[in-house]
Amino acid sequence: MKLIRMKYTKWFNIMRDGISRQNPVAVAVLGICSSLAVTNKVENAIAMGLGVTFVVMISSATVAAFRKVIPNKVRMITYMVIISTYTIGVQLFLAAYFPEISKALGAYVGLIITNCIVMGRAEAFGIKNPVRYSLIDGFASGMGYMLVLILVSTIREVLAFGTWLNIQVMPASFPTWTVMALAPGGFFVIGLFIWGIRELIGYYEA
């Protein structure tokens, strides 16, 4: 029973850290470029968040599975090969089944390859831990990233277009904020979220 309790405690701690204490966007300040670019609509944020979550989970698990045979001198190149393979898969999937979202996201899907979140989790966790924990860590990091994207895109889409997931939620007379559809609006909202989440984490840890 003690071993089972310890195992689930570790899983819980990994999940908690990835979503809150080590949130990729709010705490580590990673993936900011894509966060600014794809959060003008909630559907784009969800697609990007799911894509990054899939890639970080599977790439970290793959690195963990081969961690004992990956030469230390070429581990970064190995990470890039692994990550790019899964990223291309996500890109082709979106282009085939969700062409409008793929077009809206543009080059940012392909740039998951260079996303510091994915590379960072492979180097900081995947190369040092078993597959099962690497999957949990990747999922938690991806969910932490997507959570911020959805919250930011909700504010931006409602204020910029009066819609949420393309459903009209504001009256026709609502004066839309054009700036929220642009990168400066996203930068402002993300800055507020980073401040708010860090203050919240500091409050509960005090």
Protein backbone atom coordinates (compact mmCIF):
# COMPACT_ATOMS: atom_id res chain seq x y z
CA MET A 1 0.00 0.00 0.00
CA LYS A 2 2.82 2.37 0.83
CA LEU A 3 4.45 1.80 -2.59
CA ILE A 4 1.13 2.40 -4.37
CA ARG A 5 0.59 5.59 -2.36
CA MET A 6 4.10 6.81 -3.20
CA LYS A 7 3.58 6.07 -6.90
CA TYR A 8 0.33 8.00 -7.11
CA THR A 9 1.81 10.82 -5.05
CA LYS A 10 4.61 11.16 -7.59
CA TRP A 11 2.13 11.16 -10.48
CA PHE A 12 0.07 13.84 -8.72
CA ASN A 13 3.16 15.98 -8.06
CA ILE A 14 4.25 15.74 -11.70
CA MET A 15 0.76 16.76 -12.88
CA ARG A 16 0.53 19.62 -10.38
CA ASP A 17 3.96 21.00 -11.24
CA GLY A 18 3.37 20.88 -15.00
CA ILE A 19 0.05 22.69 -14.78
CA SER A 20 0.81 25.21 -12.02
CA ARG A 21 4.21 25.45 -10.31
CA GLN A 22 6.20 24.85 -13.51
CA ASN A 23 3.60 26.08 -15.99
CA PRO A 24 5.46 26.44 -19.31
CA VAL A 25 3.99 29.85 -20.19
CA ALA A 26 3.19 31.51 -16.87
CA VAL A 27 6.22 30.37 -14.85
CA ALA A 28 8.93 29.23 -17.28
CA VAL A 29 7.87 31.85 -19.88
CA LEU A 30 8.28 29.44 -22.79
CA GLY A 31 6.26 29.20 -26.01
CA ILE A 32 5.41 32.91 -25.90
CA CYS A 33 5.66 33.45 -29.68
CA SER A 34 3.05 30.81 -30.50
CA SER A 35 0.95 31.97 -27.54
CA LEU A 36 0.76 35.45 -29.04
CA ALA A 37 0.14 34.21 -32.57
CA VAL A 38 -2.63 31.64 -32.13
CA THR A 39 -4.74 32.99 -29.27
CA ASN A 40 -6.96 35.34 -31.27
CA LYS A 41 -9.50 32.49 -31.57
CA VAL A 42 -10.31 29.74 -29.05
CA GLU A 43 -10.45 27.02 -31.74
CA ASN A 44 -6.90 27.89 -32.81
CA ALA A 45 -5.70 27.78 -29.19
CA ILE A 46 -7.27 24.36 -28.62
CA ALA A 47 -5.76 22.94 -31.83
CA MET A 48 -2.32 24.30 -31.00
CA GLY A 49 -2.55 23.15 -27.39
CA LEU A 50 -3.54 19.62 -28.35
CA GLY A 51 -0.80 19.49 -30.99
CA VAL A 52 1.88 20.59 -28.54
CA THR A 53 0.55 18.23 -25.85
CA PHE A 54 0.71 15.27 -28.22
CA VAL A 55 4.21 16.11 -29.41
CA VAL A 56 5.66 16.77 -25.95
CA MET A 57 4.10 13.59 -24.54
CA ILE A 58 5.20 11.25 -27.30
CA SER A 59 8.62 12.80 -27.85
CA SER A 60 9.44 12.74 -24.11
CA ALA A 61 8.26 9.13 -23.90
CA THR A 62 10.38 8.20 -26.93
CA VAL A 63 13.44 9.88 -25.44
CA ALA A 64 12.78 8.07 -22.15
CA ALA A 65 12.46 4.73 -23.94
CA PHE A 66 15.86 5.16 -25.63
CA ARG A 67 17.60 7.21 -22.94
CA LYS A 68 20.14 4.48 -22.21
CA VAL A 69 21.28 4.20 -25.83
CA ILE A 70 21.22 7.87 -26.92
CA PRO A 71 24.85 9.08 -27.01
CA ASN A 72 25.30 12.15 -24.83
CA LYS A 73 27.15 14.09 -27.55
CA VAL A 74 24.29 13.87 -30.05
CA ARG A 75 21.31 13.94 -27.73
CA MET A 76 20.12 17.39 -28.92
CA ILE A 77 20.18 16.29 -32.55
CA THR A 78 18.35 13.12 -31.55
CA TYR A 79 15.68 15.19 -29.80
CA MET A 80 15.22 17.29 -32.95
CA VAL A 81 14.78 14.24 -35.16
CA ILE A 82 12.23 12.71 -32.79
CA ILE A 83 10.31 15.96 -32.27
CA SER A 84 10.26 16.85 -35.97
CA THR A 85 8.87 13.42 -36.86
CA TYR A 86 5.89 13.81 -34.54
CA THR A 87 5.40 17.47 -35.48
CA ILE A 88 5.15 16.58 -39.17
CA GLY A 89 2.52 13.99 -38.23
CA VAL A 90 0.47 16.65 -36.42
CA GLN A 91 0.86 19.04 -39.35
CA LEU A 92 -0.34 16.46 -41.88
CA PHE A 93 -3.27 15.45 -39.63
CA LEU A 94 -4.50 19.04 -39.31
CA ALA A 95 -4.07 19.70 -43.03
CA ALA A 96 -6.05 16.55 -43.88
CA TYR A 97 -8.91 16.79 -41.37
CA PHE A 98 -9.02 20.43 -40.25
CA PRO A 99 -7.77 22.47 -43.24
CA GLU A 100 -9.28 25.78 -42.06
CA ILE A 101 -7.59 25.55 -38.66
CA SER A 102 -4.36 24.41 -40.31
CA LYS A 103 -4.47 27.46 -42.57
CA ALA A 104 -5.21 29.78 -39.63
CA LEU A 105 -2.30 28.40 -37.60
CA GLY A 106 0.01 28.64 -40.60
CA ALA A 107 3.69 28.06 -39.94
CA TYR A 108 3.23 27.85 -36.17
CA VAL A 109 2.29 24.17 -36.32
CA GLY A 110 5.59 23.36 -38.01
CA LEU A 111 7.38 25.54 -35.47
CA ILE A 112 6.41 23.12 -32.70
CA ILE A 113 9.76 21.58 -33.70
CA THR A 114 11.53 24.59 -32.20
CA ASN A 115 9.15 25.06 -29.27
CA CYS A 116 11.27 25.29 -26.12
CA ILE A 117 8.60 23.48 -24.10
CA VAL A 118 9.02 20.27 -26.11
CA MET A 119 12.80 20.34 -26.16
CA GLY A 120 12.94 21.43 -22.53
CA ARG A 121 10.84 18.54 -21.20
CA ALA A 122 12.83 16.00 -23.22
CA GLU A 123 16.10 17.34 -21.78
CA ALA A 124 14.92 18.11 -18.23
CA PHE A 125 12.72 15.05 -17.67
CA GLY A 126 12.50 12.50 -20.50
CA ILE A 127 16.20 11.68 -20.63
CA LYS A 128 16.27 11.05 -16.85
CA ASN A 129 13.01 9.20 -16.14
CA PRO A 130 11.03 6.11 -17.21
CA VAL A 131 8.46 6.21 -20.00
CA ARG A 132 5.41 6.21 -17.72
CA TYR A 133 6.53 9.30 -15.81
CA SER A 134 7.65 11.05 -19.01
CA LEU A 135 4.17 10.59 -20.47
CA ILE A 136 2.60 12.14 -17.36
CA ASP A 137 5.10 14.99 -17.37
CA GLY A 138 4.50 15.67 -21.07
CA PHE A 139 0.75 15.60 -20.59
CA ALA A 140 0.93 17.99 -17.62
CA SER A 141 3.20 20.44 -19.46
CA GLY A 142 0.98 20.33 -22.53
CA MET A 143 -2.17 20.87 -20.47
CA GLY A 144 -0.52 23.75 -18.61
CA TYR A 145 0.35 25.33 -21.95
CA MET A 146 -3.12 24.76 -23.41
CA LEU A 147 -4.87 26.06 -20.29
CA VAL A 148 -3.14 29.43 -20.61
CA LEU A 149 -3.83 29.53 -24.35
CA ILE A 150 -7.55 28.85 -23.87
CA LEU A 151 -7.90 31.45 -21.12
CA VAL A 152 -6.04 34.08 -23.14
CA SER A 153 -7.90 33.28 -26.37
CA THR A 154 -11.26 33.41 -24.57
CA ILE A 155 -10.64 36.99 -23.49
CA ARG A 156 -9.21 37.99 -26.87
CA GLU A 157 -11.93 36.40 -29.00
CA VAL A 158 -14.79 37.77 -26.89
CA LEU A 159 -13.37 41.30 -26.89
CA ALA A 160 -12.13 41.30 -30.50
CA PHE A 161 -15.03 39.53 -32.24
CA GLY A 162 -17.82 39.20 -29.68
CA THR A 163 -17.74 35.43 -30.14
CA TRP A 164 -16.52 32.32 -28.33
CA LEU A 165 -15.69 29.29 -30.49
CA ASN A 166 -17.32 31.31 -33.30
CA ILE A 167 -20.61 31.44 -31.35
CA GLN A 168 -21.96 34.97 -30.88
CA VAL A 169 -21.92 35.69 -27.14
CA MET A 170 -21.97 39.49 -27.13
CA PRO A 171 -24.81 41.71 -28.40
CA ALA A 172 -24.54 43.20 -31.88
CA SER A 173 -24.08 46.64 -30.30
CA PHE A 174 -20.95 45.52 -28.45
CA PRO A 175 -17.96 47.72 -29.46
CA THR A 176 -15.26 45.22 -30.43
CA TRP A 177 -11.66 45.85 -29.44
CA THR A 178 -9.64 45.50 -32.63
CA VAL A 179 -6.37 45.57 -30.70
CA MET A 180 -7.26 42.23 -29.08
CA ALA A 181 -7.10 40.53 -32.49
CA LEU A 182 -3.50 41.77 -32.87
CA ALA A 183 -0.28 40.66 -31.20
CA PRO A 184 -0.09 43.70 -28.84
CA GLY A 185 -3.46 42.73 -27.34
CA GLY A 186 -2.26 39.16 -26.83
CA PHE A 187 0.95 40.40 -25.24
CA PHE A 188 -1.02 42.52 -22.78
CA VAL A 189 -3.39 39.66 -21.79
CA ILE A 190 -0.58 37.09 -21.46
CA GLY A 191 1.38 39.53 -19.30
CA LEU A 192 -1.59 39.87 -16.96
CA PHE A 193 -1.98 36.08 -16.78
CA ILE A 194 1.71 35.57 -16.00
CA TRP A 195 1.46 38.11 -13.20
CA GLY A 196 -1.82 36.68 -11.87
CA ILE A 197 -0.76 33.03 -11.90
CA ARG A 198 2.60 33.77 -10.27
CA GLU A 199 0.89 35.78 -7.55
CA LEU A 200 -1.58 32.93 -6.99
CA ILE A 201 1.17 30.31 -6.79
CA GLY A 202 3.15 32.50 -4.39
CA TYR A 203 0.08 32.99 -2.20
CA TYR A 204 -0.60 29.26 -1.82
CA GLU A 205 3.06 28.41 -1.27
CA ALA A 206 3.58 31.14 1.34
